[in-house]
C-alpha cells in the first residue's frame, strides 16, 4: 500500500468520511507521524491492544519484543493496525 492509501484507510477506520474526491490534504499523516498514530492506538481496547502489540513485534526489526514495541515506526504502526482490522493489502 502507498502512504496515501494507508492514510486514507486508517482515516476511514478512525471515522473520517469522504465528502469530496480528494481528501488527502485534510487527513492526518498516519504513515509518517507517531502523534497521528496515537489517535488510533488510544482507541484499542481489550484483546485488540494485545493483538496490535503482537503485530508490532512481528513487524519489528529483530530486536527484543520491548524494543520492537517502543521503536516501531509510524509505517509499522499503521500496518499493524490495518492488519488487525483486516484492511492491509500487499
Protein backbone atom coordinates (compact mmCIF):
# COMPACT_ATOMS: atom_id res chain seq x y z
CA UNK A 1 0.00 0.00 0.00
CA UNK A 2 1.18 3.51 -0.71
CA UNK A 3 1.43 6.08 2.09
CA UNK A 4 -1.65 7.86 0.68
CA UNK A 5 -3.65 4.62 0.62
CA UNK A 6 -2.56 3.85 4.18
CA UNK A 7 -3.55 7.31 5.41
CA UNK A 8 -6.93 7.07 3.69
CA UNK A 9 -7.72 3.58 5.03
CA UNK A 10 -6.66 4.43 8.59
CA UNK A 11 -8.73 7.62 8.39
CA UNK A 12 -11.81 5.63 7.32
CA UNK A 13 -11.32 3.28 10.26
CA UNK A 14 -11.00 6.28 12.57
CA UNK A 15 -14.35 7.68 11.40
CA UNK A 16 -13.34 10.11 8.66
CA UNK A 17 -15.83 10.30 5.82
CA UNK A 18 -15.23 11.18 2.20
CA UNK A 19 -17.13 14.29 1.23
CA UNK A 20 -15.26 15.06 -1.99
CA UNK A 21 -12.97 13.29 -4.44
CA UNK A 22 -9.65 14.48 -3.00
CA UNK A 23 -9.36 14.44 0.76
CA UNK A 24 -5.64 13.63 1.09
CA UNK A 25 -4.71 17.19 2.05
CA UNK A 26 -7.03 17.12 5.04
CA UNK A 27 -6.07 13.76 6.53
CA UNK A 28 -3.62 13.23 9.36
CA UNK A 29 -0.31 11.79 8.17
CA UNK A 30 -0.68 8.48 10.00
CA UNK A 31 2.03 6.88 7.84
CA UNK A 32 4.59 9.50 8.86
CA UNK A 33 3.63 10.63 12.35
CA UNK A 34 3.72 8.81 15.68
CA UNK A 35 1.46 11.54 17.06
CA UNK A 36 -1.18 10.75 14.44
CA UNK A 37 -0.87 7.02 15.20
CA UNK A 38 -1.54 7.73 18.88
CA UNK A 39 -5.13 8.61 17.97
CA UNK A 40 -5.93 5.11 16.69
CA UNK A 41 -3.79 3.40 19.32
CA UNK A 42 -5.79 5.11 22.08
CA UNK A 43 -8.99 3.57 20.68
CA UNK A 44 -7.77 -0.02 21.00
CA UNK A 45 -9.45 -1.92 23.82
CA UNK A 46 -9.04 -5.29 25.49
CA UNK A 47 -7.79 -8.07 23.25
CA UNK A 48 -7.32 -5.61 20.35
CA UNK A 49 -4.43 -3.99 22.18
CA UNK A 50 -2.69 -7.32 22.71
CA UNK A 51 -3.23 -8.35 19.09
CA UNK A 52 -1.89 -4.99 17.92
CA UNK A 53 1.22 -5.39 20.07
CA UNK A 54 1.80 -8.88 18.65
CA UNK A 55 1.58 -7.44 15.13
CA UNK A 56 4.19 -4.80 16.04
CA UNK A 57 6.50 -7.44 17.50
CA UNK A 58 6.14 -9.49 14.31
CA UNK A 59 6.89 -6.44 12.13
CA UNK A 60 9.88 -5.42 14.26
CA UNK A 61 13.48 -5.17 13.20
CA UNK A 62 14.83 -8.16 15.09
CA UNK A 63 15.19 -6.53 18.50
CA UNK A 64 13.55 -7.64 21.69
CA UNK A 65 9.77 -7.51 21.94
CA UNK A 66 10.01 -4.36 24.06
CA UNK A 67 12.34 -2.68 21.57
CA UNK A 68 10.05 -3.56 18.68
CA UNK A 69 7.08 -2.04 20.52
CA UNK A 70 8.89 1.12 21.58
CA UNK A 71 10.74 1.77 18.35
CA UNK A 72 8.08 0.85 15.80
CA UNK A 73 7.89 3.41 13.04
CA UNK A 74 4.62 5.10 12.15
CA UNK A 75 4.53 2.98 8.97
CA UNK A 76 4.84 -0.21 11.05
CA UNK A 77 2.16 1.01 13.45
CA UNK A 78 -0.19 1.66 10.54
CA UNK A 79 0.49 -1.74 9.02
CA UNK A 80 -0.16 -3.45 12.36
CA UNK A 81 -3.41 -1.51 12.81
CA UNK A 82 -4.62 -2.27 9.28
CA UNK A 83 -3.70 -5.96 9.64
CA UNK A 84 -5.61 -6.05 12.92
CA UNK A 85 -8.67 -4.68 11.12
CA UNK A 86 -8.22 -6.94 8.07
CA UNK A 87 -7.60 -3.98 5.76
CA UNK A 88 -3.91 -4.40 4.87
CA UNK A 89 -3.20 -5.03 1.19
CA UNK A 90 0.20 -6.28 -0.03
